[in-house]
Amino acid sequence: PEDTAVYYCAAVKRESGWLTSSRLGYNYWGQG
């Protein structure tokens, strides 16, 4: 039940091997 939420995906153009857990690292977002 605690998984209940609106889920969003986000993207950012970066080099191979890069990823981040910070929402500030992404500049494109879906509507959820």
PDB file of all heavy atoms in Angstrom:
ATOM      1  N   PRO A   1       0.809  -1.221   0.000  1.00  0.00           N
ATOM      2  CA  PRO A   1       0.000   0.000   0.000  1.00  0.00           C
ATOM      3  C   PRO A   1       0.844   1.273   0.000  1.00  0.00           C
ATOM      4  O   PRO A   1       0.447   2.272  -0.609  1.00  0.00           O
ATOM      5  CB  PRO A   1      -0.823  -0.132   1.287  1.00  0.00           C
ATOM      6  CG  PRO A   1      -0.994  -1.606   1.444  1.00  0.00           C
ATOM      7  CD  PRO A   1       0.338  -2.178   1.027  1.00  0.00           C
ATOM      8  N   GLU A   2       2.001   1.246   0.644  1.00  0.00           N
ATOM      9  CA  GLU A   2       2.866   2.415   0.678  1.00  0.00           C
ATOM     10  C   GLU A   2       3.521   2.725  -0.664  1.00  0.00           C
ATOM     11  O   GLU A   2       4.167   3.764  -0.811  1.00  0.00           O
ATOM     12  CB  GLU A   2       3.946   2.278   1.764  1.00  0.00           C
ATOM     13  CG  GLU A   2       4.700   0.964   1.717  1.00  0.00           C
ATOM     14  CD  GLU A   2       4.164  -0.053   2.712  1.00  0.00           C
ATOM     15  OE1 GLU A   2       2.930  -0.232   2.770  1.00  0.00           O
ATOM     16  OE2 GLU A   2       4.979  -0.663   3.431  1.00  0.00           O
ATOM     17  N   ASP A   3       3.373   1.848  -1.647  1.00  0.00           N
ATOM     18  CA  ASP A   3       3.857   2.119  -2.997  1.00  0.00           C
ATOM     19  C   ASP A   3       2.879   2.990  -3.781  1.00  0.00           C
ATOM     20  O   ASP A   3       3.192   3.418  -4.896  1.00  0.00           O
ATOM     21  CB  ASP A   3       4.090   0.816  -3.764  1.00  0.00           C
ATOM     22  CG  ASP A   3       5.223  -0.017  -3.187  1.00  0.00           C
ATOM     23  OD1 ASP A   3       6.260   0.568  -2.800  1.00  0.00           O
ATOM     24  OD2 ASP A   3       5.084  -1.247  -3.139  1.00  0.00           O
ATOM     25  N   THR A   4       1.720   3.226  -3.224  1.00  0.00           N
ATOM     26  CA  THR A   4       0.714   4.054  -3.886  1.00  0.00           C
ATOM     27  C   THR A   4       1.253   5.458  -4.123  1.00  0.00           C
ATOM     28  O   THR A   4       1.705   6.125  -3.192  1.00  0.00           O
ATOM     29  CB  THR A   4      -0.569   4.118  -3.044  1.00  0.00           C
ATOM     30  OG1 THR A   4      -1.146   2.813  -2.953  1.00  0.00           O
ATOM     31  CG2 THR A   4      -1.575   5.074  -3.671  1.00  0.00           C
ATOM     32  N   ALA A   5       1.214   5.909  -5.368  1.00  0.00           N
ATOM     33  CA  ALA A   5       1.746   7.219  -5.737  1.00  0.00           C
ATOM     34  C   ALA A   5       1.544   7.448  -7.226  1.00  0.00           C
ATOM     35  O   ALA A   5       1.147   6.551  -7.964  1.00  0.00           O
ATOM     36  CB  ALA A   5       3.239   7.301  -5.401  1.00  0.00           C
ATOM     37  N   VAL A   6       1.838   8.667  -7.650  1.00  0.00           N
ATOM     38  CA  VAL A   6       1.945   8.958  -9.069  1.00  0.00           C
ATOM     39  C   VAL A   6       3.396   8.705  -9.462  1.00  0.00           C
ATOM     40  O   VAL A   6       4.313   9.240  -8.838  1.00  0.00           O
ATOM     41  CB  VAL A   6       1.555  10.411  -9.396  1.00  0.00           C
ATOM     42  CG1 VAL A   6       1.772  10.700 -10.876  1.00  0.00           C
ATOM     43  CG2 VAL A   6       0.097  10.666  -9.024  1.00  0.00           C
ATOM     44  N   TYR A   7       3.617   7.896 -10.482  1.00  0.00           N
ATOM     45  CA  TYR A   7       4.957   7.538 -10.914  1.00  0.00           C
ATOM     46  C   TYR A   7       5.337   8.312 -12.166  1.00  0.00           C
ATOM     47  O   TYR A   7       4.579   8.357 -13.137  1.00  0.00           O
ATOM     48  CB  TYR A   7       5.043   6.030 -11.176  1.00  0.00           C
ATOM     49  CG  TYR A   7       5.123   5.214  -9.908  1.00  0.00           C
ATOM     50  CD1 TYR A   7       4.019   5.087  -9.080  1.00  0.00           C
ATOM     51  CD2 TYR A   7       6.315   4.589  -9.527  1.00  0.00           C
ATOM     52  CE1 TYR A   7       4.098   4.364  -7.895  1.00  0.00           C
ATOM     53  CE2 TYR A   7       6.394   3.862  -8.358  1.00  0.00           C
ATOM     54  CZ  TYR A   7       5.278   3.751  -7.547  1.00  0.00           C
ATOM     55  OH  TYR A   7       5.364   3.023  -6.374  1.00  0.00           O
ATOM     56  N   TYR A   8       6.530   8.903 -12.139  1.00  0.00           N
ATOM     57  CA  TYR A   8       7.036   9.711 -13.235  1.00  0.00           C
ATOM     58  C   TYR A   8       8.337   9.128 -13.779  1.00  0.00           C
ATOM     59  O   TYR A   8       9.148   8.599 -13.035  1.00  0.00           O
ATOM     60  CB  TYR A   8       7.343  11.134 -12.774  1.00  0.00           C
ATOM     61  CG  TYR A   8       6.177  11.906 -12.222  1.00  0.00           C
ATOM     62  CD1 TYR A   8       5.838  11.818 -10.874  1.00  0.00           C
ATOM     63  CD2 TYR A   8       5.428  12.753 -13.035  1.00  0.00           C
ATOM     64  CE1 TYR A   8       4.774  12.540 -10.352  1.00  0.00           C
ATOM     65  CE2 TYR A   8       4.366  13.476 -12.521  1.00  0.00           C
ATOM     66  CZ  TYR A   8       4.047  13.371 -11.181  1.00  0.00           C
ATOM     67  OH  TYR A   8       2.996  14.094 -10.664  1.00  0.00           O
ATOM     68  N   CYS A   9       8.557   9.263 -15.072  1.00  0.00           N
ATOM     69  CA  CYS A   9       9.863   8.975 -15.630  1.00  0.00           C
ATOM     70  C   CYS A   9      10.506  10.286 -16.049  1.00  0.00           C
ATOM     71  O   CYS A   9       9.822  11.263 -16.351  1.00  0.00           O
ATOM     72  CB  CYS A   9       9.798   7.987 -16.804  1.00  0.00           C
ATOM     73  SG  CYS A   9       8.949   8.570 -18.284  1.00  0.00           S
ATOM     74  N   ALA A  10      11.828  10.300 -16.035  1.00  0.00           N
ATOM     75  CA  ALA A  10      12.585  11.492 -16.375  1.00  0.00           C
ATOM     76  C   ALA A  10      13.820  11.095 -17.167  1.00  0.00           C
ATOM     77  O   ALA A  10      14.330   9.986 -17.024  1.00  0.00           O
ATOM     78  CB  ALA A  10      12.994  12.240 -15.099  1.00  0.00           C
ATOM     79  N   ALA A  11      14.322  12.012 -17.995  1.00  0.00           N
ATOM     80  CA  ALA A  11      15.460  11.704 -18.845  1.00  0.00           C
ATOM     81  C   ALA A  11      16.406  12.887 -18.953  1.00  0.00           C
ATOM     82  O   ALA A  11      16.013  14.042 -18.764  1.00  0.00           O
ATOM     83  CB  ALA A  11      14.987  11.297 -20.236  1.00  0.00           C
ATOM     84  N   VAL A  12      17.663  12.583 -19.261  1.00  0.00           N
ATOM     85  CA  VAL A  12      18.666  13.614 -19.508  1.00  0.00           C
ATOM     86  C   VAL A  12      19.714  13.038 -20.451  1.00  0.00           C
ATOM     87  O   VAL A  12      20.072  11.857 -20.347  1.00  0.00           O
ATOM     88  CB  VAL A  12      19.309  14.102 -18.186  1.00  0.00           C
ATOM     89  CG1 VAL A  12      20.076  12.982 -17.493  1.00  0.00           C
ATOM     90  CG2 VAL A  12      20.222  15.291 -18.454  1.00  0.00           C
ATOM     91  N   LYS A  13      20.189  13.849 -21.364  1.00  0.00           N
ATOM     92  CA  LYS A  13      21.187  13.401 -22.331  1.00  0.00           C
ATOM     93  C   LYS A  13      22.572  13.458 -21.690  1.00  0.00           C
ATOM     94  O   LYS A  13      23.062  14.530 -21.343  1.00  0.00           O
ATOM     95  CB  LYS A  13      21.129  14.283 -23.582  1.00  0.00           C
ATOM     96  CG  LYS A  13      21.900  13.749 -24.770  1.00  0.00           C
ATOM     97  CD  LYS A  13      21.633  14.599 -26.011  1.00  0.00           C
ATOM     98  CE  LYS A  13      22.273  14.016 -27.247  1.00  0.00           C
ATOM     99  NZ  LYS A  13      21.950  14.818 -28.456  1.00  0.00           N
ATOM    100  N   ARG A  14      23.188  12.285 -21.524  1.00  0.00           N
ATOM    101  CA  ARG A  14      24.496  12.186 -20.889  1.00  0.00           C
ATOM    102  C   ARG A  14      25.356  11.138 -21.564  1.00  0.00           C
ATOM    103  O   ARG A  14      24.882  10.378 -22.416  1.00  0.00           O
ATOM    104  CB  ARG A  14      24.361  11.847 -19.398  1.00  0.00           C
ATOM    105  CG  ARG A  14      23.677  12.919 -18.560  1.00  0.00           C
ATOM    106  CD  ARG A  14      24.493  14.178 -18.499  1.00  0.00           C
ATOM    107  NE  ARG A  14      23.909  15.150 -17.578  1.00  0.00           N
ATOM    108  CZ  ARG A  14      24.230  16.430 -17.523  1.00  0.00           C
ATOM    109  NH1 ARG A  14      25.182  16.898 -18.336  1.00  0.00           N
ATOM    110  NH2 ARG A  14      23.639  17.232 -16.653  1.00  0.00           N
ATOM    111  N   GLU A  15      26.617  11.085 -21.133  1.00  0.00           N
ATOM    112  CA  GLU A  15      27.562  10.121 -21.679  1.00  0.00           C
ATOM    113  C   GLU A  15      27.247   8.715 -21.194  1.00  0.00           C
ATOM    114  O   GLU A  15      26.531   8.509 -20.218  1.00  0.00           O
ATOM    115  CB  GLU A  15      28.994  10.506 -21.302  1.00  0.00           C
ATOM    116  CG  GLU A  15      29.332  10.340 -19.821  1.00  0.00           C
ATOM    117  CD  GLU A  15      28.952  11.536 -18.974  1.00  0.00           C
ATOM    118  OE1 GLU A  15      28.222  12.412 -19.474  1.00  0.00           O
ATOM    119  OE2 GLU A  15      29.397  11.599 -17.815  1.00  0.00           O
ATOM    120  N   SER A  16      27.826   7.738 -21.865  1.00  0.00           N
ATOM    121  CA  SER A  16      27.644   6.344 -21.496  1.00  0.00           C
ATOM    122  C   SER A  16      28.114   6.093 -20.069  1.00  0.00           C
ATOM    123  O   SER A  16      29.150   6.599 -19.649  1.00  0.00           O
ATOM    124  CB  SER A  16      28.411   5.451 -22.468  1.00  0.00           C
ATOM    125  OG  SER A  16      28.284   4.089 -22.130  1.00  0.00           O
ATOM    126  N   GLY A  17      27.342   5.323 -19.312  1.00  0.00           N
ATOM    127  CA  GLY A  17      27.707   4.960 -17.958  1.00  0.00           C
ATOM    128  C   GLY A  17      27.196   5.894 -16.878  1.00  0.00           C
ATOM    129  O   GLY A  17      27.366   5.614 -15.692  1.00  0.00           O
ATOM    130  N   TRP A  18      26.571   6.978 -17.248  1.00  0.00           N
ATOM    131  CA  TRP A  18      26.111   7.982 -16.290  1.00  0.00           C
ATOM    132  C   TRP A  18      24.679   7.721 -15.852  1.00  0.00           C
ATOM    133  O   TRP A  18      23.819   7.358 -16.654  1.00  0.00           O
ATOM    134  CB  TRP A  18      26.203   9.368 -16.928  1.00  0.00           C
ATOM    135  CG  TRP A  18      25.929  10.504 -15.998  1.00  0.00           C
ATOM    136  CD1 TRP A  18      26.832  11.225 -15.287  1.00  0.00           C
ATOM    137  CD2 TRP A  18      24.648  11.076 -15.701  1.00  0.00           C
ATOM    138  NE1 TRP A  18      26.209  12.206 -14.570  1.00  0.00           N
ATOM    139  CE2 TRP A  18      24.862  12.132 -14.799  1.00  0.00           C
ATOM    140  CE3 TRP A  18      23.339  10.795 -16.115  1.00  0.00           C
ATOM    141  CZ2 TRP A  18      23.819  12.912 -14.297  1.00  0.00           C
ATOM    142  CZ3 TRP A  18      22.296  11.563 -15.615  1.00  0.00           C
ATOM    143  CH2 TRP A  18      22.547  12.610 -14.715  1.00  0.00           C
ATOM    144  N   LEU A  19      24.408   7.945 -14.558  1.00  0.00           N
ATOM    145  CA  LEU A  19      23.060   7.943 -14.012  1.00  0.00           C
ATOM    146  C   LEU A  19      23.063   8.730 -12.710  1.00  0.00           C
ATOM    147  O   LEU A  19      24.114   8.953 -12.110  1.00  0.00           O
ATOM    148  CB  LEU A  19      22.519   6.521 -13.801  1.00  0.00           C
ATOM    149  CG  LEU A  19      23.253   5.542 -12.874  1.00  0.00           C
ATOM    150  CD1 LEU A  19      23.011   5.873 -11.401  1.00  0.00           C
ATOM    151  CD2 LEU A  19      22.768   4.124 -13.168  1.00  0.00           C
ATOM    152  N   THR A  20      21.884   9.148 -12.262  1.00  0.00           N
ATOM    153  CA  THR A  20      21.800   9.908 -11.027  1.00  0.00           C
ATOM    154  C   THR A  20      20.484   9.626 -10.322  1.00  0.00           C
ATOM    155  O   THR A  20      19.488   9.268 -10.960  1.00  0.00           O
ATOM    156  CB  THR A  20      21.920  11.426 -11.286  1.00  0.00           C
ATOM    157  OG1 THR A  20      21.900  12.121 -10.035  1.00  0.00           O
ATOM    158  CG2 THR A  20      20.759  11.928 -12.140  1.00  0.00           C
ATOM    159  N   SER A  21      20.492   9.782  -9.001  1.00  0.00           N
ATOM    160  CA  SER A  21      19.290   9.625  -8.184  1.00  0.00           C
ATOM    161  C   SER A  21      18.654  10.966  -7.846  1.00  0.00           C
ATOM    162  O   SER A  21      17.618  11.011  -7.182  1.00  0.00           O
ATOM    163  CB  SER A  21      19.628   8.883  -6.890  1.00  0.00           C
ATOM    164  OG  SER A  21      20.583   9.599  -6.128  1.00  0.00           O
ATOM    165  N   SER A  22      19.249  12.047  -8.308  1.00  0.00           N
ATOM    166  CA  SER A  22      18.754  13.393  -8.026  1.00  0.00           C
ATOM    167  C   SER A  22      17.783  13.861  -9.102  1.00  0.00           C
ATOM    168  O   SER A  22      18.093  13.798 -10.291  1.00  0.00           O
ATOM    169  CB  SER A  22      19.912  14.375  -7.917  1.00  0.00           C
ATOM    170  OG  SER A  22      19.438  15.705  -7.795  1.00  0.00           O
ATOM    171  N   ARG A  23      16.634  14.352  -8.682  1.00  0.00           N
ATOM    172  CA  ARG A  23      15.666  14.860  -9.652  1.00  0.00           C
ATOM    173  C   ARG A  23      16.192  16.089 -10.376  1.00  0.00           C
ATOM    174  O   ARG A  23      15.746  16.402 -11.480  1.00  0.00           O
ATOM    175  CB  ARG A  23      14.326  15.176  -8.985  1.00  0.00           C
ATOM    176  CG  ARG A  23      14.338  16.330  -8.008  1.00  0.00           C
ATOM    177  CD  ARG A  23      12.934  16.541  -7.436  1.00  0.00           C
ATOM    178  NE  ARG A  23      12.862  17.731  -6.605  1.00  0.00           N
ATOM    179  CZ  ARG A  23      13.180  17.766  -5.319  1.00  0.00           C
ATOM    180  NH1 ARG A  23      13.591  16.665  -4.709  1.00  0.00           N
ATOM    181  NH2 ARG A  23      13.083  18.897  -4.638  1.00  0.00           N
ATOM    182  N   LEU A  24      17.166  16.788  -9.764  1.00  0.00           N
ATOM    183  CA  LEU A  24      17.756  17.959 -10.389  1.00  0.00           C
ATOM    184  C   LEU A  24      18.662  17.586 -11.559  1.00  0.00           C
ATOM    185  O   LEU A  24      19.032  18.447 -12.349  1.00  0.00           O
ATOM    186  CB  LEU A  24      18.550  18.764  -9.360  1.00  0.00           C
ATOM    187  CG  LEU A  24      17.756  19.328  -8.185  1.00  0.00           C
ATOM    188  CD1 LEU A  24      18.679  20.081  -7.245  1.00  0.00           C
ATOM    189  CD2 LEU A  24      16.643  20.235  -8.694  1.00  0.00           C
ATOM    190  N   GLY A  25      19.006  16.318 -11.678  1.00  0.00           N
ATOM    191  CA  GLY A  25      19.861  15.877 -12.755  1.00  0.00           C
ATOM    192  C   GLY A  25      19.128  15.613 -14.057  1.00  0.00           C
ATOM    193  O   GLY A  25      19.771  15.352 -15.074  1.00  0.00           O
ATOM    194  N   TYR A  26      17.813  15.672 -14.029  1.00  0.00           N
ATOM    195  CA  TYR A  26      16.990  15.403 -15.203  1.00  0.00           C
ATOM    196  C   TYR A  26      16.289  16.665 -15.686  1.00  0.00           C
ATOM    197  O   TYR A  26      15.850  17.480 -14.881  1.00  0.00           O
ATOM    198  CB  TYR A  26      15.943  14.330 -14.890  1.00  0.00           C
ATOM    199  CG  TYR A  26      16.545  13.015 -14.461  1.00  0.00           C
ATOM    200  CD1 TYR A  26      16.745  12.732 -13.111  1.00  0.00           C
ATOM    201  CD2 TYR A  26      16.913  12.061 -15.401  1.00  0.00           C
ATOM    202  CE1 TYR A  26      17.310  11.531 -12.718  1.00  0.00           C
ATOM    203  CE2 TYR A  26      17.474  10.860 -15.012  1.00  0.00           C
ATOM    204  CZ  TYR A  26      17.674  10.599 -13.675  1.00  0.00           C
ATOM    205  OH  TYR A  26      18.231   9.408 -13.271  1.00  0.00           O
ATOM    206  N   ASN A  27      16.176  16.806 -16.990  1.00  0.00           N
ATOM    207  CA  ASN A  27      15.528  18.001 -17.532  1.00  0.00           C
ATOM    208  C   ASN A  27      14.316  17.711 -18.409  1.00  0.00           C
ATOM    209  O   ASN A  27      13.706  18.642 -18.943  1.00  0.00           O
ATOM    210  CB  ASN A  27      16.536  18.866 -18.287  1.00  0.00           C
ATOM    211  CG  ASN A  27      17.261  18.130 -19.400  1.00  0.00           C
ATOM    212  OD1 ASN A  27      17.050  16.936 -19.625  1.00  0.00           O
ATOM    213  ND2 ASN A  27      18.124  18.849 -20.100  1.00  0.00           N
ATOM    214  N   TYR A  28      13.955  16.440 -18.569  1.00  0.00           N
ATOM    215  CA  TYR A  28      12.746  16.068 -19.293  1.00  0.00           C
ATOM    216  C   TYR A  28      11.912  15.162 -18.417  1.00  0.00           C
ATOM    217  O   TYR A  28      12.428  14.209 -17.828  1.00  0.00           O
ATOM    218  CB  TYR A  28      13.077  15.369 -20.617  1.00  0.00           C
ATOM    219  CG  TYR A  28      13.835  16.241 -21.585  1.00  0.00           C
ATOM    220  CD1 TYR A  28      15.212  16.125 -21.722  1.00  0.00           C
ATOM    221  CD2 TYR A  28      13.175  17.191 -22.358  1.00  0.00           C
ATOM    222  CE1 TYR A  28      15.916  16.931 -22.591  1.00  0.00           C
ATOM    223  CE2 TYR A  28      13.879  18.003 -23.240  1.00  0.00           C
ATOM    224  CZ  TYR A  28      15.243  17.867 -23.353  1.00  0.00           C
ATOM    225  OH  TYR A  28      15.946  18.670 -24.219  1.00  0.00           O
ATOM    226  N   TRP A  29      10.615  15.434 -18.344  1.00  0.00           N
ATOM    227  CA  TRP A  29       9.714  14.695 -17.463  1.00  0.00           C
ATOM    228  C   TRP A  29       8.415  14.337 -18.163  1.00  0.00           C
ATOM    229  O   TRP A  29       7.901  15.103 -18.977  1.00  0.00           O
ATOM    230  CB  TRP A  29       9.371  15.530 -16.224  1.00  0.00           C
ATOM    231  CG  TRP A  29      10.536  15.756 -15.320  1.00  0.00           C
ATOM    232  CD1 TRP A  29      11.503  16.711 -15.437  1.00  0.00           C
ATOM    233  CD2 TRP A  29      10.862  15.007 -14.149  1.00  0.00           C
ATOM    234  NE1 TRP A  29      12.417  16.597 -14.415  1.00  0.00           N
ATOM    235  CE2 TRP A  29      12.042  15.561 -13.614  1.00  0.00           C
ATOM    236  CE3 TRP A  29      10.265  13.917 -13.502  1.00  0.00           C
ATOM    237  CZ2 TRP A  29      12.646  15.068 -12.453  1.00  0.00           C
ATOM    238  CZ3 TRP A  29      10.865  13.424 -12.359  1.00  0.00           C
ATOM    239  CH2 TRP A  29      12.039  14.004 -11.843  1.00  0.00           C
ATOM    240  N   GLY A  30       7.867  13.175 -17.815  1.00  0.00           N
ATOM    241  CA  GLY A  30       6.554  12.796 -18.280  1.00  0.00           C
ATOM    242  C   GLY A  30       5.494  13.366 -17.367  1.00  0.00           C
ATOM    243  O   GLY A  30       5.789  14.048 -16.387  1.00  0.00           O
ATOM    244  N   GLN A  31       4.230  13.072 -17.670  1.00  0.00           N
ATOM    245  CA  GLN A  31       3.117  13.605 -16.893  1.00  0.00           C
ATOM    246  C   GLN A  31       2.700  12.716 -15.732  1.00  0.00           C
ATOM    247  O   GLN A  31       1.918  13.136 -14.878  1.00  0.00           O
ATOM    248  CB  GLN A  31       1.914  13.853 -17.810  1.00  0.00           C
ATOM    249  CG  GLN A  31       2.151  14.958 -18.827  1.00  0.00           C
ATOM    250  CD  GLN A  31       2.439  16.279 -18.165  1.00  0.00           C
ATOM    251  OE1 GLN A  31       1.660  16.766 -17.336  1.00  0.00           O
ATOM    252  NE2 GLN A  31       3.572  16.880 -18.512  1.00  0.00           N
ATOM    253  N   GLY A  32       3.208  11.495 -15.681  1.00  0.00           N
ATOM    254  CA  GLY A  32       2.941  10.610 -14.569  1.00  0.00           C
ATOM    255  C   GLY A  32       1.804   9.634 -14.818  1.00  0.00           C
ATOM    256  O   GLY A  32       0.927   9.871 -15.644  1.00  0.00           O
TER     257      GLY A  32
END
